[in-house]
Amino acid sequence: MTSSRLPCIVWGMRLKVQTVVVYYVDWTDLEDFIAEVYGVRPEIAAMEECGNDVTLNYNIDGDFDSYDETRFNEFKKTGYVAYGTRMLLNKLAKEGYAPFGEYNIKISW
């Protein structure tokens, strides 16, 4: 197998590529971190209704409005909010606990 170089030129054509930063987080590490910050440990696989070997992708910009606040309060009371991972990541970012940007959350057991 040969190594590839950037930019890749094949048959006189140039493949345009862009380098980006993506934060990769293991789901259990994220669950532990959320529990440490907010005192409640989520079950991300259950909240997102996903199976094994799934990667969740989120663009986190800190957008957190009154609806999200209501959902967060539900999470604090029950430990669960349907499809709440993005909301929790946005709250973490808005409060300075996590950087803004693109996240890949790998779920595999």
N, C-alpha and C. Protein backbone atom coordinates (compact mmCIF):
# COMPACT_ATOMS: atom_id res chain seq x y z
N MET A 1 0.85 -1.17 0.00
CA MET A 1 0.00 0.00 0.00
C MET A 1 0.89 1.23 0.00
N THR A 2 0.57 2.20 -0.81
CA THR A 2 1.37 3.42 -0.87
C THR A 2 0.80 4.48 0.05
N SER A 3 1.67 5.36 0.47
CA SER A 3 1.19 6.46 1.31
C SER A 3 0.64 7.57 0.44
N SER A 4 -0.33 8.29 0.97
CA SER A 4 -0.92 9.40 0.20
C SER A 4 -0.31 10.71 0.66
N ARG A 5 -0.27 11.65 -0.23
CA ARG A 5 0.24 12.98 0.08
C ARG A 5 -0.84 14.00 -0.21
N LEU A 6 -0.82 15.10 0.50
CA LEU A 6 -1.79 16.17 0.27
C LEU A 6 -1.12 17.27 -0.50
N PRO A 7 -1.68 17.87 -1.49
CA PRO A 7 -2.92 17.42 -2.13
C PRO A 7 -2.67 16.20 -3.00
N CYS A 8 -3.68 15.41 -3.17
CA CYS A 8 -3.59 14.18 -3.94
C CYS A 8 -3.82 14.49 -5.42
N ILE A 9 -2.87 14.09 -6.23
CA ILE A 9 -3.01 14.31 -7.67
C ILE A 9 -3.04 12.96 -8.35
N VAL A 10 -4.15 12.67 -9.02
CA VAL A 10 -4.32 11.41 -9.74
C VAL A 10 -4.79 11.74 -11.14
N TRP A 11 -4.11 11.22 -12.14
CA TRP A 11 -4.46 11.43 -13.54
C TRP A 11 -4.63 12.91 -13.86
N GLY A 12 -3.77 13.71 -13.28
CA GLY A 12 -3.78 15.14 -13.57
C GLY A 12 -4.87 15.92 -12.84
N MET A 13 -5.66 15.24 -12.00
CA MET A 13 -6.72 15.93 -11.25
C MET A 13 -6.26 16.11 -9.82
N ARG A 14 -6.64 17.21 -9.22
CA ARG A 14 -6.25 17.50 -7.85
C ARG A 14 -7.47 17.39 -6.94
N LEU A 15 -7.32 16.60 -5.90
CA LEU A 15 -8.39 16.46 -4.91
C LEU A 15 -8.24 17.59 -3.90
N LYS A 16 -9.28 18.39 -3.77
CA LYS A 16 -9.26 19.48 -2.82
C LYS A 16 -9.65 18.94 -1.45
N VAL A 17 -8.79 19.17 -0.49
CA VAL A 17 -9.06 18.72 0.87
C VAL A 17 -8.93 19.89 1.82
N GLN A 18 -9.54 19.74 2.96
CA GLN A 18 -9.50 20.77 3.99
C GLN A 18 -9.23 20.09 5.32
N THR A 19 -8.35 20.65 6.10
CA THR A 19 -8.06 20.15 7.43
C THR A 19 -9.03 20.80 8.41
N VAL A 20 -9.67 19.97 9.23
CA VAL A 20 -10.61 20.49 10.22
C VAL A 20 -10.30 19.86 11.57
N VAL A 21 -10.74 20.53 12.61
CA VAL A 21 -10.62 20.00 13.96
C VAL A 21 -11.97 19.38 14.34
N VAL A 22 -11.93 18.14 14.75
CA VAL A 22 -13.12 17.45 15.23
C VAL A 22 -12.77 16.87 16.59
N TYR A 23 -13.61 17.15 17.58
CA TYR A 23 -13.39 16.62 18.92
C TYR A 23 -14.03 15.24 18.99
N TYR A 24 -13.20 14.24 19.22
CA TYR A 24 -13.67 12.87 19.37
C TYR A 24 -13.81 12.58 20.85
N VAL A 25 -14.98 12.12 21.28
CA VAL A 25 -15.23 11.83 22.68
C VAL A 25 -15.91 10.48 22.79
N ASP A 26 -15.38 9.63 23.64
CA ASP A 26 -16.04 8.36 23.92
C ASP A 26 -17.28 8.64 24.77
N TRP A 27 -18.36 7.97 24.47
CA TRP A 27 -19.63 8.25 25.12
C TRP A 27 -19.58 8.08 26.63
N THR A 28 -18.84 7.09 27.13
CA THR A 28 -18.78 6.91 28.58
C THR A 28 -17.98 8.03 29.24
N ASP A 29 -16.95 8.53 28.56
CA ASP A 29 -16.21 9.67 29.09
C ASP A 29 -17.09 10.91 29.16
N LEU A 30 -17.92 11.10 28.12
CA LEU A 30 -18.84 12.24 28.13
C LEU A 30 -19.88 12.09 29.23
N GLU A 31 -20.42 10.89 29.40
CA GLU A 31 -21.37 10.67 30.49
C GLU A 31 -20.75 10.98 31.85
N ASP A 32 -19.52 10.52 32.06
CA ASP A 32 -18.83 10.78 33.32
C ASP A 32 -18.60 12.27 33.52
N PHE A 33 -18.21 12.97 32.46
CA PHE A 33 -17.94 14.40 32.57
C PHE A 33 -19.21 15.18 32.89
N ILE A 34 -20.30 14.85 32.21
CA ILE A 34 -21.58 15.52 32.49
C ILE A 34 -21.99 15.27 33.93
N ALA A 35 -21.80 14.04 34.41
CA ALA A 35 -22.14 13.73 35.81
C ALA A 35 -21.28 14.54 36.77
N GLU A 36 -20.02 14.71 36.44
CA GLU A 36 -19.13 15.49 37.30
C GLU A 36 -19.53 16.96 37.35
N VAL A 37 -19.93 17.51 36.19
CA VAL A 37 -20.28 18.93 36.12
C VAL A 37 -21.67 19.19 36.69
N TYR A 38 -22.66 18.37 36.32
CA TYR A 38 -24.05 18.66 36.66
C TYR A 38 -24.65 17.76 37.74
N GLY A 39 -23.90 16.76 38.18
CA GLY A 39 -24.39 15.92 39.27
C GLY A 39 -25.38 14.85 38.86
N VAL A 40 -25.62 14.69 37.57
CA VAL A 40 -26.54 13.67 37.06
C VAL A 40 -25.85 13.00 35.88
N ARG A 41 -25.83 11.66 35.89
CA ARG A 41 -25.17 10.92 34.81
C ARG A 41 -26.21 10.51 33.77
N PRO A 42 -26.06 11.01 32.53
CA PRO A 42 -27.00 10.62 31.48
C PRO A 42 -26.66 9.24 30.94
N GLU A 43 -27.59 8.64 30.24
CA GLU A 43 -27.34 7.42 29.47
C GLU A 43 -27.53 7.81 28.01
N ILE A 44 -26.44 8.19 27.38
CA ILE A 44 -26.49 8.78 26.04
C ILE A 44 -27.09 7.82 25.02
N ALA A 45 -26.70 6.56 25.05
CA ALA A 45 -27.25 5.60 24.07
C ALA A 45 -28.76 5.51 24.19
N ALA A 46 -29.28 5.53 25.41
CA ALA A 46 -30.73 5.48 25.60
C ALA A 46 -31.39 6.79 25.18
N MET A 47 -30.78 7.92 25.55
CA MET A 47 -31.36 9.22 25.20
C MET A 47 -31.43 9.40 23.68
N GLU A 48 -30.42 8.91 22.98
CA GLU A 48 -30.38 9.08 21.53
C GLU A 48 -31.00 7.91 20.78
N GLU A 49 -31.47 6.91 21.53
CA GLU A 49 -32.11 5.72 20.96
C GLU A 49 -31.24 5.09 19.87
N CYS A 50 -29.96 4.89 20.19
CA CYS A 50 -29.05 4.32 19.19
C CYS A 50 -28.51 2.99 19.67
N GLY A 51 -28.05 2.21 18.73
CA GLY A 51 -27.50 0.90 19.02
C GLY A 51 -25.99 0.94 19.13
N ASN A 52 -25.40 -0.22 18.95
CA ASN A 52 -23.96 -0.38 19.05
C ASN A 52 -23.27 0.12 17.79
N ASP A 53 -22.02 0.55 17.94
CA ASP A 53 -21.18 1.01 16.84
C ASP A 53 -21.81 2.17 16.06
N VAL A 54 -22.19 3.19 16.79
CA VAL A 54 -22.79 4.39 16.22
C VAL A 54 -21.93 5.58 16.57
N THR A 55 -21.79 6.51 15.64
CA THR A 55 -21.11 7.76 15.92
C THR A 55 -22.11 8.90 15.77
N LEU A 56 -22.27 9.66 16.83
CA LEU A 56 -23.15 10.83 16.81
C LEU A 56 -22.31 12.04 16.44
N ASN A 57 -22.80 12.86 15.53
CA ASN A 57 -22.07 14.05 15.08
C ASN A 57 -22.85 15.30 15.44
N TYR A 58 -22.16 16.24 16.08
CA TYR A 58 -22.81 17.49 16.49
C TYR A 58 -21.89 18.67 16.19
N ASN A 59 -22.48 19.76 15.74
CA ASN A 59 -21.78 21.03 15.64
C ASN A 59 -22.24 21.88 16.82
N ILE A 60 -21.37 22.10 17.77
CA ILE A 60 -21.72 22.75 19.02
C ILE A 60 -21.31 24.22 18.96
N ASP A 61 -22.32 25.10 19.09
CA ASP A 61 -22.09 26.54 18.98
C ASP A 61 -22.51 27.31 20.23
N GLY A 62 -22.93 26.59 21.27
CA GLY A 62 -23.36 27.25 22.50
C GLY A 62 -24.79 27.75 22.47
N ASP A 63 -25.53 27.40 21.41
CA ASP A 63 -26.93 27.81 21.31
C ASP A 63 -27.74 27.08 22.38
N PHE A 64 -28.26 27.84 23.32
CA PHE A 64 -28.99 27.26 24.45
C PHE A 64 -30.06 28.26 24.86
N ASP A 65 -31.32 27.97 24.49
CA ASP A 65 -32.41 28.93 24.72
C ASP A 65 -33.32 28.46 25.86
N SER A 66 -34.44 29.14 26.04
CA SER A 66 -35.34 28.83 27.15
C SER A 66 -35.94 27.42 27.01
N TYR A 67 -36.18 26.97 25.80
CA TYR A 67 -36.67 25.61 25.60
C TYR A 67 -35.62 24.60 26.07
N ASP A 68 -34.35 24.87 25.74
CA ASP A 68 -33.27 23.99 26.20
C ASP A 68 -33.15 24.02 27.71
N GLU A 69 -33.37 25.19 28.30
CA GLU A 69 -33.32 25.30 29.76
C GLU A 69 -34.40 24.42 30.40
N THR A 70 -35.59 24.41 29.81
CA THR A 70 -36.67 23.55 30.30
C THR A 70 -36.27 22.08 30.19
N ARG A 71 -35.68 21.72 29.07
CA ARG A 71 -35.24 20.34 28.86
C ARG A 71 -34.11 19.98 29.83
N PHE A 72 -33.20 20.93 30.07
CA PHE A 72 -32.12 20.67 31.01
C PHE A 72 -32.66 20.44 32.42
N ASN A 73 -33.64 21.23 32.83
CA ASN A 73 -34.25 21.05 34.15
C ASN A 73 -34.92 19.68 34.26
N GLU A 74 -35.53 19.22 33.17
CA GLU A 74 -36.11 17.87 33.14
C GLU A 74 -35.01 16.83 33.32
N PHE A 75 -33.89 17.03 32.63
CA PHE A 75 -32.76 16.12 32.76
C PHE A 75 -32.25 16.09 34.21
N LYS A 76 -32.14 17.25 34.83
CA LYS A 76 -31.64 17.32 36.21
C LYS A 76 -32.57 16.56 37.17
N LYS A 77 -33.88 16.59 36.91
CA LYS A 77 -34.85 15.92 37.78
C LYS A 77 -34.87 14.41 37.55
N THR A 78 -34.82 14.00 36.27
CA THR A 78 -35.06 12.60 35.93
C THR A 78 -33.82 11.84 35.45
N GLY A 79 -32.77 12.56 35.04
CA GLY A 79 -31.59 11.91 34.46
C GLY A 79 -31.79 11.51 33.01
N TYR A 80 -32.89 11.96 32.43
CA TYR A 80 -33.20 11.58 31.05
C TYR A 80 -33.91 12.74 30.34
N VAL A 81 -33.54 12.93 29.10
CA VAL A 81 -34.29 13.81 28.20
C VAL A 81 -34.05 13.29 26.79
N ALA A 82 -35.12 13.01 26.06
CA ALA A 82 -35.00 12.42 24.74
C ALA A 82 -34.16 13.31 23.83
N TYR A 83 -33.21 12.69 23.16
CA TYR A 83 -32.33 13.37 22.20
C TYR A 83 -31.70 14.62 22.82
N GLY A 84 -31.14 14.44 24.02
CA GLY A 84 -30.62 15.57 24.77
C GLY A 84 -29.12 15.79 24.72
N THR A 85 -28.39 14.96 24.00
CA THR A 85 -26.93 15.09 24.00
C THR A 85 -26.47 16.41 23.42
N ARG A 86 -27.04 16.83 22.31
CA ARG A 86 -26.67 18.12 21.71
C ARG A 86 -26.94 19.27 22.70
N MET A 87 -28.09 19.23 23.34
CA MET A 87 -28.44 20.26 24.31
C MET A 87 -27.42 20.30 25.45
N LEU A 88 -27.04 19.13 25.97
CA LEU A 88 -26.07 19.08 27.05
C LEU A 88 -24.69 19.59 26.61
N LEU A 89 -24.27 19.22 25.41
CA LEU A 89 -22.99 19.71 24.89
C LEU A 89 -23.02 21.23 24.70
N ASN A 90 -24.13 21.75 24.19
CA ASN A 90 -24.24 23.20 24.02
C ASN A 90 -24.19 23.91 25.37
N LYS A 91 -24.82 23.35 26.39
CA LYS A 91 -24.77 23.95 27.72
C LYS A 91 -23.34 23.92 28.26
N LEU A 92 -22.66 22.78 28.10
CA LEU A 92 -21.27 22.69 28.54
C LEU A 92 -20.40 23.74 27.85
N ALA A 93 -20.60 23.91 26.54
CA ALA A 93 -19.80 24.88 25.79
C ALA A 93 -20.13 26.31 26.19
N LYS A 94 -21.41 26.60 26.34
CA LYS A 94 -21.84 27.95 26.71
C LYS A 94 -21.28 28.34 28.07
N GLU A 95 -21.19 27.38 28.97
CA GLU A 95 -20.69 27.66 30.32
C GLU A 95 -19.16 27.55 30.42
N GLY A 96 -18.49 27.24 29.31
CA GLY A 96 -17.03 27.20 29.30
C GLY A 96 -16.41 25.88 29.72
N TYR A 97 -17.20 24.83 29.85
CA TYR A 97 -16.68 23.52 30.23
C TYR A 97 -16.14 22.73 29.04
N ALA A 98 -16.56 23.08 27.84
CA ALA A 98 -16.14 22.36 26.63
C ALA A 98 -15.97 23.37 25.50
N PRO A 99 -15.07 23.08 24.56
CA PRO A 99 -14.87 24.01 23.44
C PRO A 99 -16.02 23.95 22.43
N PHE A 100 -16.25 25.05 21.75
CA PHE A 100 -17.19 25.06 20.63
C PHE A 100 -16.56 24.29 19.48
N GLY A 101 -17.39 23.70 18.63
CA GLY A 101 -16.85 23.02 17.46
C GLY A 101 -17.61 21.76 17.13
N GLU A 102 -17.00 20.97 16.26
CA GLU A 102 -17.61 19.74 15.79
C GLU A 102 -17.20 18.58 16.69
N TYR A 103 -18.19 17.77 17.08
CA TYR A 103 -17.96 16.63 17.96
C TYR A 103 -18.41 15.34 17.30
N ASN A 104 -17.62 14.28 17.49
CA ASN A 104 -18.02 12.93 17.17
C ASN A 104 -18.05 12.16 18.47
N ILE A 105 -19.21 11.62 18.79
CA ILE A 105 -19.38 10.83 20.01
C ILE A 105 -19.53 9.38 19.58
N LYS A 106 -18.56 8.56 19.90
CA LYS A 106 -18.58 7.15 19.51
C LYS A 106 -19.25 6.31 20.57
N ILE A 107 -20.25 5.54 20.16
CA ILE A 107 -20.95 4.63 21.05
C ILE A 107 -20.65 3.21 20.59
N SER A 108 -19.99 2.45 21.44
CA SER A 108 -19.64 1.07 21.09
C SER A 108 -19.48 0.28 22.39
N TRP A 109 -20.16 -0.84 22.45
CA TRP A 109 -20.02 -1.68 23.64
C TRP A 109 -19.73 -3.11 23.25
